N, C-alpha and C. Protein backbone atom coordinates (compact mmCIF):
# COMPACT_ATOMS: atom_id res chain seq x y z
N MET A 1 114.28 -53.30 5.05
CA MET A 1 114.09 -51.75 5.54
C MET A 1 114.44 -51.26 4.38
N ALA A 2 113.58 -49.67 4.62
CA ALA A 2 113.65 -49.15 3.33
C ALA A 2 114.69 -47.92 3.62
N ASP A 3 115.33 -47.20 2.62
CA ASP A 3 116.23 -45.91 3.22
C ASP A 3 115.44 -45.05 2.97
N ASN A 4 115.36 -44.45 4.26
CA ASN A 4 114.79 -43.17 4.12
C ASN A 4 115.89 -41.84 4.18
N ARG A 5 116.99 -41.96 3.88
CA ARG A 5 117.63 -40.78 3.96
C ARG A 5 117.45 -40.03 2.59
N VAL A 6 117.70 -38.63 2.86
CA VAL A 6 117.97 -37.94 1.62
C VAL A 6 119.16 -37.15 1.54
N GLY A 7 119.53 -36.37 0.45
CA GLY A 7 120.33 -35.39 -0.08
C GLY A 7 119.97 -34.30 0.53
N LEU A 8 121.12 -33.41 0.84
CA LEU A 8 120.77 -31.88 1.41
C LEU A 8 120.93 -31.09 0.18
N PRO A 9 120.18 -29.88 -0.09
CA PRO A 9 120.46 -29.20 -1.35
C PRO A 9 121.61 -28.23 -0.57
N GLN A 10 122.42 -27.84 -1.61
CA GLN A 10 123.34 -26.60 -1.10
C GLN A 10 123.07 -25.52 0.13
N GLY A 11 123.74 -25.55 1.07
CA GLY A 11 123.42 -24.43 1.77
C GLY A 11 122.65 -24.89 3.03
N THR A 12 121.97 -25.94 3.12
CA THR A 12 120.96 -26.35 3.91
C THR A 12 121.32 -26.87 5.27
N LEU A 13 122.79 -27.18 4.99
CA LEU A 13 123.26 -27.96 6.22
C LEU A 13 123.77 -26.77 7.45
N ASP A 14 123.92 -25.58 6.84
CA ASP A 14 124.26 -24.61 7.41
C ASP A 14 123.05 -24.34 8.29
N ALA A 15 121.87 -24.08 8.20
CA ALA A 15 120.71 -23.74 8.51
C ALA A 15 120.34 -25.14 9.47
N LEU A 16 120.59 -26.11 9.25
CA LEU A 16 120.11 -27.32 10.22
C LEU A 16 120.73 -27.14 11.41
N ILE A 17 122.35 -26.86 11.27
CA ILE A 17 123.20 -26.54 12.43
C ILE A 17 123.11 -25.54 13.04
N LEU A 18 122.45 -24.20 12.72
CA LEU A 18 121.66 -23.29 13.03
C LEU A 18 120.53 -23.73 14.23
N LYS A 19 119.69 -24.33 13.58
CA LYS A 19 118.82 -24.97 14.39
C LYS A 19 118.95 -25.91 15.74
N ALA A 20 120.13 -26.47 14.91
CA ALA A 20 120.30 -27.72 16.01
C ALA A 20 121.00 -26.89 17.69
N ILE A 21 121.62 -25.97 17.31
CA ILE A 21 122.32 -25.53 18.43
C ILE A 21 121.08 -24.00 19.05
N SER A 22 119.89 -23.87 18.25
CA SER A 22 118.99 -23.05 18.88
C SER A 22 118.81 -22.78 19.87
N LEU A 23 118.67 -23.96 20.58
CA LEU A 23 118.00 -24.23 22.17
C LEU A 23 119.05 -24.22 23.14
N GLU A 24 120.39 -24.59 22.62
CA GLU A 24 121.32 -24.95 23.89
C GLU A 24 122.58 -25.06 22.99
N PRO A 25 123.76 -24.73 23.17
CA PRO A 25 125.13 -25.03 23.23
C PRO A 25 125.31 -26.44 22.87
N LEU A 26 125.75 -26.90 21.68
CA LEU A 26 126.12 -28.13 21.74
C LEU A 26 128.07 -28.37 20.73
N HIS A 27 128.38 -29.92 21.21
CA HIS A 27 129.71 -29.80 20.64
C HIS A 27 129.06 -30.87 18.90
N GLY A 28 130.04 -30.91 18.34
CA GLY A 28 129.79 -31.07 17.14
C GLY A 28 129.08 -32.38 16.94
N TRP A 29 129.83 -33.63 17.62
CA TRP A 29 129.27 -34.88 17.65
C TRP A 29 127.76 -35.28 18.27
N ALA A 30 127.34 -34.13 18.87
CA ALA A 30 125.83 -33.93 19.76
C ALA A 30 124.96 -33.29 18.39
N ILE A 31 125.63 -32.42 17.62
CA ILE A 31 124.83 -31.53 16.55
C ILE A 31 124.35 -32.52 15.54
N SER A 32 125.35 -33.90 14.95
CA SER A 32 125.02 -34.85 14.25
C SER A 32 123.81 -35.48 14.94
N GLU A 33 123.79 -35.96 15.82
CA GLU A 33 123.41 -36.92 16.84
C GLU A 33 121.82 -36.19 16.60
N ARG A 34 121.72 -34.74 16.92
CA ARG A 34 120.39 -34.19 17.34
C ARG A 34 119.87 -34.37 15.89
N LEU A 35 120.24 -33.86 15.12
CA LEU A 35 119.87 -33.68 13.42
C LEU A 35 119.49 -35.26 13.02
N GLN A 36 120.34 -36.04 13.32
CA GLN A 36 119.50 -37.48 13.09
C GLN A 36 118.16 -38.06 13.67
N GLN A 37 118.61 -37.46 15.32
CA GLN A 37 117.37 -37.82 15.91
C GLN A 37 115.95 -37.08 15.56
N ILE A 38 116.59 -36.02 15.17
CA ILE A 38 114.95 -35.28 14.68
C ILE A 38 114.35 -35.72 13.63
N SER A 39 115.24 -36.11 12.58
CA SER A 39 114.92 -36.75 11.40
C SER A 39 114.34 -38.07 10.99
N ASP A 40 114.30 -38.50 12.21
CA ASP A 40 113.79 -39.88 12.48
C ASP A 40 115.04 -40.97 11.26
N GLU A 41 116.49 -40.66 11.76
CA GLU A 41 117.41 -41.32 11.04
C GLU A 41 117.40 -41.28 9.79
N SER A 42 116.66 -40.09 9.24
CA SER A 42 117.02 -39.80 7.54
C SER A 42 118.04 -38.96 7.24
N LEU A 43 118.55 -37.98 8.37
CA LEU A 43 119.96 -37.00 8.15
C LEU A 43 121.03 -37.96 8.39
N ARG A 44 121.85 -38.47 8.43
CA ARG A 44 122.79 -38.51 8.55
C ARG A 44 124.20 -37.91 8.25
N ILE A 45 124.54 -37.10 9.16
CA ILE A 45 125.86 -35.96 8.72
C ILE A 45 126.75 -36.66 9.36
N GLY A 46 127.94 -36.86 8.59
CA GLY A 46 129.11 -37.29 8.83
C GLY A 46 130.20 -35.98 9.46
N GLN A 47 130.97 -36.08 10.31
CA GLN A 47 131.97 -35.41 10.88
C GLN A 47 132.76 -34.64 9.94
N GLY A 48 132.79 -34.99 8.92
CA GLY A 48 133.61 -34.37 7.47
C GLY A 48 132.70 -33.59 7.28
N SER A 49 131.35 -33.36 7.27
CA SER A 49 130.37 -32.34 6.72
C SER A 49 130.31 -31.12 8.12
N ILE A 50 130.22 -31.62 9.10
CA ILE A 50 130.13 -30.90 10.25
C ILE A 50 131.10 -29.68 10.40
N TYR A 51 132.03 -30.19 10.88
CA TYR A 51 133.23 -29.26 11.28
C TYR A 51 133.78 -28.30 10.32
N PRO A 52 133.60 -28.92 8.92
CA PRO A 52 133.86 -27.45 8.10
C PRO A 52 132.84 -26.38 8.05
N ALA A 53 131.61 -27.13 8.04
CA ALA A 53 130.51 -26.09 8.06
C ALA A 53 130.27 -25.36 9.43
N LEU A 54 130.64 -25.69 10.45
CA LEU A 54 130.83 -25.21 11.84
C LEU A 54 131.86 -24.33 11.53
N LEU A 55 133.00 -24.46 11.14
CA LEU A 55 133.90 -23.35 10.45
C LEU A 55 133.70 -22.36 10.06
N ARG A 56 133.20 -22.60 9.09
CA ARG A 56 132.56 -21.70 8.27
C ARG A 56 131.31 -21.06 8.61
N LEU A 57 130.65 -21.37 9.61
CA LEU A 57 129.76 -20.62 10.54
C LEU A 57 130.05 -19.59 11.33
N GLN A 58 131.56 -20.10 11.92
CA GLN A 58 131.92 -19.21 13.07
C GLN A 58 132.75 -17.76 12.25
N ARG A 59 133.33 -18.34 11.16
CA ARG A 59 133.80 -17.26 10.00
C ARG A 59 132.92 -16.23 9.68
N LYS A 60 131.67 -16.60 9.88
CA LYS A 60 130.62 -15.49 9.36
C LYS A 60 130.13 -14.73 10.30
N GLY A 61 130.34 -15.18 11.59
CA GLY A 61 130.14 -14.94 12.96
C GLY A 61 128.59 -14.87 13.54
N TRP A 62 128.10 -16.04 12.71
CA TRP A 62 126.80 -17.04 13.13
C TRP A 62 126.92 -17.61 14.48
N ILE A 63 127.74 -18.21 14.68
CA ILE A 63 128.05 -19.10 16.32
C ILE A 63 129.35 -18.76 16.70
N LYS A 64 129.40 -19.06 17.77
CA LYS A 64 130.70 -19.01 18.57
C LYS A 64 130.63 -20.37 19.22
N ALA A 65 132.67 -20.17 19.66
CA ALA A 65 132.82 -21.66 20.35
C ALA A 65 133.40 -21.46 21.65
N THR A 66 133.06 -22.19 22.30
CA THR A 66 133.86 -21.81 23.71
C THR A 66 134.02 -23.45 24.12
N TRP A 67 135.08 -23.96 24.89
CA TRP A 67 135.80 -25.10 25.20
C TRP A 67 135.14 -25.61 26.82
N GLY A 68 134.56 -26.84 26.43
CA GLY A 68 133.79 -27.52 27.78
C GLY A 68 134.12 -28.92 27.67
N VAL A 69 133.00 -29.35 28.61
CA VAL A 69 133.56 -30.90 28.91
C VAL A 69 132.51 -31.50 28.62
N THR A 70 132.51 -32.61 27.71
CA THR A 70 131.23 -33.68 27.63
C THR A 70 130.70 -34.30 28.80
N GLU A 71 129.19 -35.30 28.13
CA GLU A 71 128.93 -35.87 29.45
C GLU A 71 129.85 -37.20 29.61
N ASN A 72 130.63 -37.54 28.68
CA ASN A 72 131.89 -38.46 28.78
C ASN A 72 132.86 -37.98 29.33
N ASN A 73 133.21 -36.90 30.09
CA ASN A 73 134.14 -36.03 30.44
C ASN A 73 135.56 -35.76 29.34
N ARG A 74 135.45 -35.60 28.15
CA ARG A 74 135.94 -35.24 27.22
C ARG A 74 136.00 -33.80 27.16
N ARG A 75 136.79 -33.16 26.64
CA ARG A 75 136.76 -32.18 26.00
C ARG A 75 136.71 -31.45 24.89
N ALA A 76 135.65 -30.75 25.02
CA ALA A 76 135.11 -30.36 23.51
C ALA A 76 134.67 -29.07 23.15
N LYS A 77 134.86 -28.58 21.86
CA LYS A 77 134.24 -27.09 21.79
C LYS A 77 132.54 -27.41 21.27
N TYR A 78 132.39 -26.50 22.34
CA TYR A 78 130.31 -26.19 22.17
C TYR A 78 130.51 -24.90 21.40
N TYR A 79 129.50 -25.12 20.49
CA TYR A 79 128.96 -23.95 19.56
C TYR A 79 127.76 -23.68 20.16
N ALA A 80 127.82 -22.42 20.12
CA ALA A 80 126.09 -21.41 20.46
C ALA A 80 125.70 -20.26 19.20
N LEU A 81 124.49 -20.19 19.23
CA LEU A 81 124.50 -18.82 18.33
C LEU A 81 124.56 -17.84 18.84
N THR A 82 125.18 -16.76 17.76
CA THR A 82 125.41 -15.29 18.14
C THR A 82 123.81 -14.79 17.87
N ARG A 83 123.86 -13.37 18.02
CA ARG A 83 122.72 -12.50 17.76
C ARG A 83 122.60 -12.60 15.98
N ALA A 84 123.66 -12.62 15.33
CA ALA A 84 123.71 -12.36 14.08
C ALA A 84 123.18 -13.96 13.65
N GLY A 85 123.56 -15.19 14.11
CA GLY A 85 123.36 -16.29 13.73
C GLY A 85 121.61 -16.66 14.13
N GLN A 86 120.99 -15.77 15.53
CA GLN A 86 119.93 -15.72 15.17
C GLN A 86 118.74 -15.27 14.39
N ARG A 87 119.32 -14.36 13.78
CA ARG A 87 118.70 -13.45 12.54
C ARG A 87 118.70 -14.24 11.17
N GLN A 88 120.03 -14.79 11.26
CA GLN A 88 120.16 -15.76 9.71
C GLN A 88 119.30 -16.74 10.08
N LEU A 89 119.25 -17.47 11.30
CA LEU A 89 118.28 -18.65 11.25
C LEU A 89 116.69 -18.19 11.09
N ALA A 90 116.61 -17.14 11.50
CA ALA A 90 114.89 -16.61 11.22
C ALA A 90 114.65 -16.63 9.77
N SER A 91 115.75 -15.54 9.06
CA SER A 91 115.66 -15.56 7.74
C SER A 91 115.61 -16.66 6.89
N ARG A 92 116.33 -17.94 7.13
CA ARG A 92 116.43 -19.22 6.51
C ARG A 92 115.30 -19.90 6.58
N VAL A 93 114.81 -19.81 7.74
CA VAL A 93 113.46 -20.60 8.08
C VAL A 93 112.37 -19.79 6.93
N GLN A 94 112.39 -18.45 6.98
CA GLN A 94 111.50 -17.69 6.40
C GLN A 94 111.45 -17.97 5.12
N GLY A 95 112.57 -18.39 4.62
CA GLY A 95 113.14 -18.45 3.13
C GLY A 95 112.23 -19.84 2.78
N TRP A 96 112.57 -20.79 3.74
CA TRP A 96 111.84 -22.09 3.23
C TRP A 96 110.64 -22.56 3.37
N GLN A 97 109.87 -21.70 4.33
CA GLN A 97 108.50 -21.55 4.40
C GLN A 97 108.19 -20.63 2.82
N ARG A 98 108.87 -20.08 2.27
CA ARG A 98 108.33 -19.52 1.55
C ARG A 98 108.37 -20.46 0.04
N LEU A 99 109.25 -21.09 0.19
CA LEU A 99 109.87 -21.81 -0.92
C LEU A 99 109.02 -23.43 -0.66
N ILE A 100 108.69 -23.91 0.17
CA ILE A 100 107.65 -24.95 0.61
C ILE A 100 106.09 -24.39 0.26
N ALA A 101 106.20 -23.57 0.19
CA ALA A 101 104.62 -22.73 -0.12
C ALA A 101 104.54 -22.73 -1.82
N ILE A 102 105.52 -22.37 -2.21
CA ILE A 102 105.54 -22.27 -4.02
C ILE A 102 105.59 -23.40 -4.69
N VAL A 103 106.62 -24.38 -3.92
CA VAL A 103 106.62 -25.54 -4.81
C VAL A 103 105.15 -26.32 -4.29
N GLY A 104 104.76 -26.14 -3.30
CA GLY A 104 103.17 -26.74 -2.87
C GLY A 104 102.08 -26.51 -4.03
N ARG A 105 102.34 -24.95 -4.27
CA ARG A 105 101.20 -24.55 -5.37
C ARG A 105 101.38 -25.12 -6.54
N VAL A 106 102.74 -25.14 -7.24
CA VAL A 106 103.12 -25.65 -8.21
C VAL A 106 102.62 -27.34 -8.38
N LEU A 107 103.24 -28.04 -7.45
CA LEU A 107 102.98 -29.61 -7.68
C LEU A 107 101.89 -29.93 -7.57
N LEU A 108 100.96 -29.27 -6.47
CA LEU A 108 99.50 -29.46 -6.08
C LEU A 108 98.66 -28.86 -6.71
N GLU A 109 98.95 -28.28 -7.78
CA GLU A 109 97.95 -27.67 -8.42
C GLU A 109 97.17 -28.35 -9.76
N ASP A 110 95.91 -28.39 -9.77
CA ASP A 110 94.99 -29.43 -10.84
C ASP A 110 95.17 -28.69 -11.91
């Protein structure tokens, strides 16, 4: 079986986390699971990367955390986007779209 996983460019994890919680608040484990599922198992982001990123995003005011209970009846912090986080996500998506278009033009030029 081929290994389809890829490394993430610096700063990309923040955008992926913002996207993962854009629909509903999630706890850290669920965020990593959602990213793995959406990427067809290509992105496997460990807890050692997720939690420092969550703390960083919280300090920037892009996400907020509240305590809740998981589906396994365990206490966990659930992370949700703030208005600033929503604006940041929109900005990051626009940036990626521009980058993809530019790189595509360069690589696909005949």
